[in-house]
PDB file of N, CA and C in Angstrom:
ATOM      1  N   MET A   1      16.610   9.386 -11.566  1.00  0.00           N
ATOM      2  CA  MET A   1      16.518  10.731 -11.049  1.00  0.00           C
ATOM      3  C   MET A   1      17.804  11.452 -11.441  1.00  0.00           C
ATOM      4  N   ASP A   2      17.673  12.605 -12.048  1.00  0.00           N
ATOM      5  CA  ASP A   2      18.868  13.313 -12.492  1.00  0.00           C
ATOM      6  C   ASP A   2      19.470  14.152 -11.356  1.00  0.00           C
ATOM      7  N   LEU A   3      20.619  14.737 -11.633  1.00  0.00           N
ATOM      8  CA  LEU A   3      21.374  15.489 -10.629  1.00  0.00           C
ATOM      9  C   LEU A   3      20.546  16.608 -10.007  1.00  0.00           C
ATOM     10  N   GLN A   4      19.853  17.350 -10.818  1.00  0.00           N
ATOM     11  CA  GLN A   4      19.073  18.479 -10.320  1.00  0.00           C
ATOM     12  C   GLN A   4      17.967  18.009  -9.362  1.00  0.00           C
ATOM     13  N   ALA A   5      17.280  16.948  -9.700  1.00  0.00           N
ATOM     14  CA  ALA A   5      16.224  16.419  -8.841  1.00  0.00           C
ATOM     15  C   ALA A   5      16.799  15.886  -7.531  1.00  0.00           C
ATOM     16  N   MET A   6      17.946  15.204  -7.609  1.00  0.00           N
ATOM     17  CA  MET A   6      18.592  14.705  -6.389  1.00  0.00           C
ATOM     18  C   MET A   6      18.999  15.857  -5.487  1.00  0.00           C
ATOM     19  N   ARG A   7      19.545  16.894  -6.081  1.00  0.00           N
ATOM     20  CA  ARG A   7      19.982  18.051  -5.302  1.00  0.00           C
ATOM     21  C   ARG A   7      18.794  18.676  -4.548  1.00  0.00           C
ATOM     22  N   ARG A   8      17.664  18.799  -5.231  1.00  0.00           N
ATOM     23  CA  ARG A   8      16.460  19.368  -4.584  1.00  0.00           C
ATOM     24  C   ARG A   8      16.007  18.493  -3.414  1.00  0.00           C
ATOM     25  N   LEU A   9      15.985  17.178  -3.607  1.00  0.00           N
ATOM     26  CA  LEU A   9      15.586  16.274  -2.524  1.00  0.00           C
ATOM     27  C   LEU A   9      16.571  16.330  -1.364  1.00  0.00           C
ATOM     28  N   PHE A  10      17.866  16.438  -1.674  1.00  0.00           N
ATOM     29  CA  PHE A  10      18.876  16.544  -0.620  1.00  0.00           C
ATOM     30  C   PHE A  10      18.648  17.812   0.208  1.00  0.00           C
ATOM     31  N   GLU A  11      18.372  18.915  -0.478  1.00  0.00           N
ATOM     32  CA  GLU A  11      18.190  20.202   0.197  1.00  0.00           C
ATOM     33  C   GLU A  11      17.007  20.199   1.163  1.00  0.00           C
ATOM     34  N   VAL A  12      15.970  19.426   0.877  1.00  0.00           N
ATOM     35  CA  VAL A  12      14.811  19.365   1.773  1.00  0.00           C
ATOM     36  C   VAL A  12      14.909  18.209   2.774  1.00  0.00           C
ATOM     37  N   GLY A  13      16.051  17.502   2.773  1.00  0.00           N
ATOM     38  CA  GLY A  13      16.282  16.446   3.753  1.00  0.00           C
ATOM     39  C   GLY A  13      15.636  15.113   3.429  1.00  0.00           C
ATOM     40  N   ALA A  14      15.289  14.879   2.168  1.00  0.00           N
ATOM     41  CA  ALA A  14      14.606  13.642   1.790  1.00  0.00           C
ATOM     42  C   ALA A  14      15.556  12.488   1.474  1.00  0.00           C
ATOM     43  N   LEU A  15      16.871  12.750   1.415  1.00  0.00           N
ATOM     44  CA  LEU A  15      17.846  11.697   1.105  1.00  0.00           C
ATOM     45  C   LEU A  15      18.685  11.394   2.334  1.00  0.00           C
ATOM     46  N   SER A  16      18.944  10.103   2.571  1.00  0.00           N
ATOM     47  CA  SER A  16      19.701   9.725   3.761  1.00  0.00           C
ATOM     48  C   SER A  16      21.115   9.236   3.474  1.00  0.00           C
ATOM     49  N   GLU A  17      21.357   8.701   2.276  1.00  0.00           N
ATOM     50  CA  GLU A  17      22.667   8.091   2.009  1.00  0.00           C
ATOM     51  C   GLU A  17      22.950   8.048   0.518  1.00  0.00           C
ATOM     52  N   ALA A  18      24.225   8.191   0.166  1.00  0.00           N
ATOM     53  CA  ALA A  18      24.692   8.005  -1.207  1.00  0.00           C
ATOM     54  C   ALA A  18      25.493   6.712  -1.261  1.00  0.00           C
ATOM     55  N   ILE A  19      25.236   5.923  -2.288  1.00  0.00           N
ATOM     56  CA  ILE A  19      25.887   4.621  -2.432  1.00  0.00           C
ATOM     57  C   ILE A  19      26.504   4.537  -3.825  1.00  0.00           C
ATOM     58  N   ILE A  20      27.794   4.207  -3.859  1.00  0.00           N
ATOM     59  CA  ILE A  20      28.495   3.960  -5.117  1.00  0.00           C
ATOM     60  C   ILE A  20      28.634   2.453  -5.246  1.00  0.00           C
ATOM     61  N   ALA A  21      28.207   1.918  -6.391  1.00  0.00           N
ATOM     62  CA  ALA A  21      28.235   0.471  -6.598  1.00  0.00           C
ATOM     63  C   ALA A  21      28.754   0.164  -8.001  1.00  0.00           C
ATOM     64  N   PRO A  22      29.313  -1.042  -8.176  1.00  0.00           N
ATOM     65  CA  PRO A  22      29.733  -1.433  -9.520  1.00  0.00           C
ATOM     66  C   PRO A  22      28.536  -1.441 -10.472  1.00  0.00           C
ATOM     67  N   ALA A  23      28.752  -0.975 -11.682  1.00  0.00           N
ATOM     68  CA  ALA A  23      27.687  -0.974 -12.691  1.00  0.00           C
ATOM     69  C   ALA A  23      27.451  -2.415 -13.148  1.00  0.00           C
ATOM     70  N   PRO A  24      26.192  -2.826 -13.200  1.00  0.00           N
ATOM     71  CA  PRO A  24      25.914  -4.185 -13.662  1.00  0.00           C
ATOM     72  C   PRO A  24      26.317  -4.356 -15.133  1.00  0.00           C
ATOM     73  N   MET A  25      26.955  -5.466 -15.414  1.00  0.00           N
ATOM     74  CA  MET A  25      27.326  -5.827 -16.785  1.00  0.00           C
ATOM     75  C   MET A  25      28.359  -4.887 -17.409  1.00  0.00           C
ATOM     76  N   GLU A  26      29.073  -4.106 -16.599  1.00  0.00           N
ATOM     77  CA  GLU A  26      30.089  -3.180 -17.117  1.00  0.00           C
ATOM     78  C   GLU A  26      31.347  -3.301 -16.256  1.00  0.00           C
ATOM     79  N   SER A  27      32.400  -3.795 -16.808  1.00  0.00           N
ATOM     80  CA  SER A  27      33.637  -3.956 -16.060  1.00  0.00           C
ATOM     81  C   SER A  27      34.294  -2.596 -15.806  1.00  0.00           C
ATOM     82  N   GLY A  28      34.652  -2.327 -14.556  1.00  0.00           N
ATOM     83  CA  GLY A  28      35.363  -1.104 -14.209  1.00  0.00           C
ATOM     84  C   GLY A  28      34.503   0.149 -14.233  1.00  0.00           C
ATOM     85  N   ALA A  29      33.182  -0.006 -14.206  1.00  0.00           N
ATOM     86  CA  ALA A  29      32.285   1.150 -14.239  1.00  0.00           C
ATOM     87  C   ALA A  29      31.448   1.181 -12.965  1.00  0.00           C
ATOM     88  N   TRP A  30      30.877   2.327 -12.676  1.00  0.00           N
ATOM     89  CA  TRP A  30      30.181   2.576 -11.411  1.00  0.00           C
ATOM     90  C   TRP A  30      28.841   3.259 -11.639  1.00  0.00           C
ATOM     91  N   VAL A  31      27.946   3.106 -10.652  1.00  0.00           N
ATOM     92  CA  VAL A  31      26.671   3.824 -10.642  1.00  0.00           C
ATOM     93  C   VAL A  31      26.528   4.520  -9.294  1.00  0.00           C
ATOM     94  N   LEU A  32      25.719   5.564  -9.275  1.00  0.00           N
ATOM     95  CA  LEU A  32      25.414   6.289  -8.044  1.00  0.00           C
ATOM     96  C   LEU A  32      23.951   6.064  -7.709  1.00  0.00           C
ATOM     97  N   MET A  33      23.715   5.610  -6.485  1.00  0.00           N
ATOM     98  CA  MET A  33      22.357   5.442  -5.985  1.00  0.00           C
ATOM     99  C   MET A  33      22.220   6.277  -4.722  1.00  0.00           C
ATOM    100  N   VAL A  34      21.009   6.715  -4.454  1.00  0.00           N
ATOM    101  CA  VAL A  34      20.736   7.403  -3.200  1.00  0.00           C
ATOM    102  C   VAL A  34      19.588   6.693  -2.501  1.00  0.00           C
ATOM    103  N   GLU A  35      19.672   6.655  -1.190  1.00  0.00           N
ATOM    104  CA  GLU A  35      18.575   6.095  -0.409  1.00  0.00           C
ATOM    105  C   GLU A  35      17.728   7.244   0.106  1.00  0.00           C
ATOM    106  N   ARG A  36      16.439   7.149  -0.160  1.00  0.00           N
ATOM    107  CA  ARG A  36      15.510   8.163   0.325  1.00  0.00           C
ATOM    108  C   ARG A  36      15.134   7.846   1.768  1.00  0.00           C
ATOM    109  N   ARG A  37      14.667   8.829   2.491  1.00  0.00           N
ATOM    110  CA  ARG A  37      14.250   8.622   3.882  1.00  0.00           C
ATOM    111  C   ARG A  37      13.138   7.588   4.001  1.00  0.00           C
ATOM    112  N   ASP A  38      12.350   7.407   2.941  1.00  0.00           N
ATOM    113  CA  ASP A  38      11.273   6.409   2.972  1.00  0.00           C
ATOM    114  C   ASP A  38      11.769   5.005   2.618  1.00  0.00           C
ATOM    115  N   GLY A  39      13.103   4.854   2.421  1.00  0.00           N
ATOM    116  CA  GLY A  39      13.706   3.549   2.179  1.00  0.00           C
ATOM    117  C   GLY A  39      13.890   3.175   0.719  1.00  0.00           C
ATOM    118  N   LEU A  40      13.336   3.935  -0.206  1.00  0.00           N
ATOM    119  CA  LEU A  40      13.486   3.638  -1.630  1.00  0.00           C
ATOM    120  C   LEU A  40      14.872   4.015  -2.137  1.00  0.00           C
ATOM    121  N   LEU A  41      15.383   3.227  -3.065  1.00  0.00           N
ATOM    122  CA  LEU A  41      16.652   3.539  -3.717  1.00  0.00           C
ATOM    123  C   LEU A  41      16.378   4.162  -5.077  1.00  0.00           C
ATOM    124  N   GLU A  42      17.104   5.211  -5.395  1.00  0.00           N
ATOM    125  CA  GLU A  42      16.988   5.883  -6.693  1.00  0.00           C
ATOM    126  C   GLU A  42      18.359   5.887  -7.347  1.00  0.00           C
ATOM    127  N   HIS A  43      18.412   5.661  -8.650  1.00  0.00           N
ATOM    128  CA  HIS A  43      19.665   5.717  -9.410  1.00  0.00           C
ATOM    129  C   HIS A  43      19.818   7.091 -10.040  1.00  0.00           C
ATOM    130  N   MET A  44      21.062   7.539 -10.146  1.00  0.00           N
ATOM    131  CA  MET A  44      21.359   8.751 -10.910  1.00  0.00           C
ATOM    132  C   MET A  44      21.114   8.423 -12.378  1.00  0.00           C
ATOM    133  N   THR A  45      20.398   9.317 -13.055  1.00  0.00           N
ATOM    134  CA  THR A  45      20.128   9.123 -14.474  1.00  0.00           C
ATOM    135  C   THR A  45      20.789  10.232 -15.284  1.00  0.00           C
ATOM    136  N   VAL A  46      20.917   9.979 -16.558  1.00  0.00           N
ATOM    137  CA  VAL A  46      21.400  10.997 -17.489  1.00  0.00           C
ATOM    138  C   VAL A  46      20.313  12.073 -17.558  1.00  0.00           C
ATOM    139  N   ALA A  47      20.704  13.328 -17.603  1.00  0.00           N
ATOM    140  CA  ALA A  47      19.758  14.449 -17.568  1.00  0.00           C
ATOM    141  C   ALA A  47      18.623  14.278 -18.577  1.00  0.00           C
ATOM    142  N   ARG A  48      17.423  14.499 -18.109  1.00  0.00           N
ATOM    143  CA  ARG A  48      16.197  14.469 -18.916  1.00  0.00           C
ATOM    144  C   ARG A  48      15.920  13.128 -19.593  1.00  0.00           C
ATOM    145  N   THR A  49      16.438  12.036 -19.013  1.00  0.00           N
ATOM    146  CA  THR A  49      16.145  10.697 -19.531  1.00  0.00           C
ATOM    147  C   THR A  49      15.900   9.771 -18.347  1.00  0.00           C
ATOM    148  N   ASP A  50      15.519   8.547 -18.646  1.00  0.00           N
ATOM    149  CA  ASP A  50      15.392   7.513 -17.607  1.00  0.00           C
ATOM    150  C   ASP A  50      16.586   6.564 -17.632  1.00  0.00           C
ATOM    151  N   ARG A  51      17.576   6.865 -18.478  1.00  0.00           N
ATOM    152  CA  ARG A  51      18.752   6.011 -18.633  1.00  0.00           C
ATOM    153  C   ARG A  51      19.708   6.184 -17.449  1.00  0.00           C
ATOM    154  N   GLN A  52      20.068   5.076 -16.816  1.00  0.00           N
ATOM    155  CA  GLN A  52      20.981   5.101 -15.678  1.00  0.00           C
ATOM    156  C   GLN A  52      22.342   5.645 -16.115  1.00  0.00           C
ATOM    157  N   LYS A  53      22.894   6.548 -15.318  1.00  0.00           N
ATOM    158  CA  LYS A  53      24.202   7.134 -15.640  1.00  0.00           C
ATOM    159  C   LYS A  53      25.299   6.162 -15.208  1.00  0.00           C
ATOM    160  N   ILE A  54      26.220   5.875 -16.124  1.00  0.00           N
ATOM    161  CA  ILE A  54      27.350   4.979 -15.871  1.00  0.00           C
ATOM    162  C   ILE A  54      28.615   5.829 -15.800  1.00  0.00           C
ATOM    163  N   TYR A  55      29.374   5.641 -14.743  1.00  0.00           N
ATOM    164  CA  TYR A  55      30.611   6.397 -14.532  1.00  0.00           C
ATOM    165  C   TYR A  55      31.808   5.499 -14.805  1.00  0.00           C
ATOM    166  N   LYS A  56      32.816   6.041 -15.444  1.00  0.00           N
ATOM    167  CA  LYS A  56      34.018   5.274 -15.772  1.00  0.00           C
ATOM    168  C   LYS A  56      35.075   5.333 -14.677  1.00  0.00           C
ATOM    169  N   SER A  57      34.934   6.271 -13.726  1.00  0.00           N
ATOM    170  CA  SER A  57      35.925   6.360 -12.649  1.00  0.00           C
ATOM    171  C   SER A  57      35.237   6.652 -11.323  1.00  0.00           C
ATOM    172  N   LEU A  58      35.876   6.218 -10.256  1.00  0.00           N
ATOM    173  CA  LEU A  58      35.362   6.525  -8.914  1.00  0.00           C
ATOM    174  C   LEU A  58      35.370   8.023  -8.653  1.00  0.00           C
ATOM    175  N   GLU A  59      36.348   8.716  -9.185  1.00  0.00           N
ATOM    176  CA  GLU A  59      36.433  10.162  -8.975  1.00  0.00           C
ATOM    177  C   GLU A  59      35.226  10.879  -9.571  1.00  0.00           C
ATOM    178  N   SER A  60      34.793  10.473 -10.740  1.00  0.00           N
ATOM    179  CA  SER A  60      33.653  11.165 -11.360  1.00  0.00           C
ATOM    180  C   SER A  60      32.350  10.884 -10.619  1.00  0.00           C
ATOM    181  N   VAL A  61      32.150   9.669 -10.153  1.00  0.00           N
ATOM    182  CA  VAL A  61      30.927   9.375  -9.398  1.00  0.00           C
ATOM    183  C   VAL A  61      30.963  10.070  -8.039  1.00  0.00           C
ATOM    184  N   ARG A  62      32.132  10.144  -7.418  1.00  0.00           N
ATOM    185  CA  ARG A  62      32.271  10.844  -6.150  1.00  0.00           C
ATOM    186  C   ARG A  62      31.958  12.328  -6.323  1.00  0.00           C
ATOM    187  N   ALA A  63      32.410  12.900  -7.425  1.00  0.00           N
ATOM    188  CA  ALA A  63      32.163  14.319  -7.694  1.00  0.00           C
ATOM    189  C   ALA A  63      30.663  14.595  -7.841  1.00  0.00           C
ATOM    190  N   ASP A  64      29.930  13.712  -8.500  1.00  0.00           N
ATOM    191  CA  ASP A  64      28.485  13.906  -8.617  1.00  0.00           C
ATOM    192  C   ASP A  64      27.799  13.774  -7.259  1.00  0.00           C
ATOM    193  N   ALA A  65      28.244  12.839  -6.433  1.00  0.00           N
ATOM    194  CA  ALA A  65      27.671  12.711  -5.086  1.00  0.00           C
ATOM    195  C   ALA A  65      27.895  14.001  -4.298  1.00  0.00           C
ATOM    196  N   GLU A  66      29.059  14.600  -4.455  1.00  0.00           N
ATOM    197  CA  GLU A  66      29.352  15.870  -3.787  1.00  0.00           C
ATOM    198  C   GLU A  66      28.497  16.998  -4.347  1.00  0.00           C
ATOM    199  N   ARG A  67      28.260  16.998  -5.652  1.00  0.00           N
ATOM    200  CA  ARG A  67      27.390  18.016  -6.260  1.00  0.00           C
ATOM    201  C   ARG A  67      25.957  17.923  -5.723  1.00  0.00           C
ATOM    202  N   VAL A  68      25.516  16.707  -5.424  1.00  0.00           N
ATOM    203  CA  VAL A  68      24.193  16.537  -4.818  1.00  0.00           C
ATOM    204  C   VAL A  68      24.185  17.176  -3.436  1.00  0.00           C
ATOM    205  N   GLY A  69      25.307  17.046  -2.709  1.00  0.00           N
ATOM    206  CA  GLY A  69      25.404  17.620  -1.373  1.00  0.00           C
ATOM    207  C   GLY A  69      26.006  16.686  -0.342  1.00  0.00           C
ATOM    208  N   PHE A  70      26.241  15.445  -0.716  1.00  0.00           N
ATOM    209  CA  PHE A  70      26.785  14.469   0.226  1.00  0.00           C
ATOM    210  C   PHE A  70      28.255  14.732   0.506  1.00  0.00           C
ATOM    211  N   ARG A  71      28.641  14.579   1.756  1.00  0.00           N
ATOM    212  CA  ARG A  71      30.045  14.719   2.164  1.00  0.00           C
ATOM    213  C   ARG A  71      30.699  13.377   2.409  1.00  0.00           C
ATOM    214  N   LYS A  72      29.876  12.319   2.483  1.00  0.00           N
ATOM    215  CA  LYS A  72      30.414  10.959   2.581  1.00  0.00           C
ATOM    216  C   LYS A  72      29.505  10.042   1.791  1.00  0.00           C
ATOM    217  N   VAL A  73      30.082   8.944   1.305  1.00  0.00           N
ATOM    218  CA  VAL A  73      29.354   7.963   0.504  1.00  0.00           C
ATOM    219  C   VAL A  73      29.702   6.566   1.015  1.00  0.00           C
ATOM    220  N   THR A  74      28.855   5.626   0.716  1.00  0.00           N
ATOM    221  CA  THR A  74      29.122   4.224   0.978  1.00  0.00           C
ATOM    222  C   THR A  74      29.558   3.589  -0.333  1.00  0.00           C
ATOM    223  N   LEU A  75      30.655   2.840  -0.291  1.00  0.00           N
ATOM    224  CA  LEU A  75      31.171   2.179  -1.486  1.00  0.00           C
ATOM    225  C   LEU A  75      30.888   0.691  -1.387  1.00  0.00           C
ATOM    226  N   GLN A  76      30.135   0.161  -2.323  1.00  0.00           N
ATOM    227  CA  GLN A  76      29.893  -1.275  -2.399  1.00  0.00           C
ATOM    228  C   GLN A  76      30.909  -1.856  -3.367  1.00  0.00           C
ATOM    229  N   VAL A  77      31.526  -2.953  -2.990  1.00  0.00           N
ATOM    230  CA  VAL A  77      32.534  -3.538  -3.864  1.00  0.00           C
ATOM    231  C   VAL A  77      32.067  -4.837  -4.519  1.00  0.00           C
ATOM    232  N   ALA A  78      30.976  -5.363  -4.074  1.00  0.00           N
ATOM    233  CA  ALA A  78      30.467  -6.603  -4.687  1.00  0.00           C
ATOM    234  C   ALA A  78      28.969  -6.540  -4.818  1.00  0.00           C
TER     235      ALA A  78
END
C-alpha cells in the first residue's frame, strides 16, 4: 500500500497502529507497516508498485509515518 492509500485509510479511521521493523535480509534498513482495524498488516510500498519500500534510516521511515498521519509509532528491534 503506498503513502497516498495509507493516508486515505488513516483519514477515515481504518488504521490503528504504525510499526517500524527491521527490513528482512537488509542490514541497517527498515520497513513501515500499518495495522488495520480489522487486524491485517499492510506494508508501505513504493508508489504505484507492489514492491515493499525499504528505508535506510529511522528518520526517513518516521517521516513517512508522520506523513500518513501517525503521531506515535511502535519500533520493533528484533
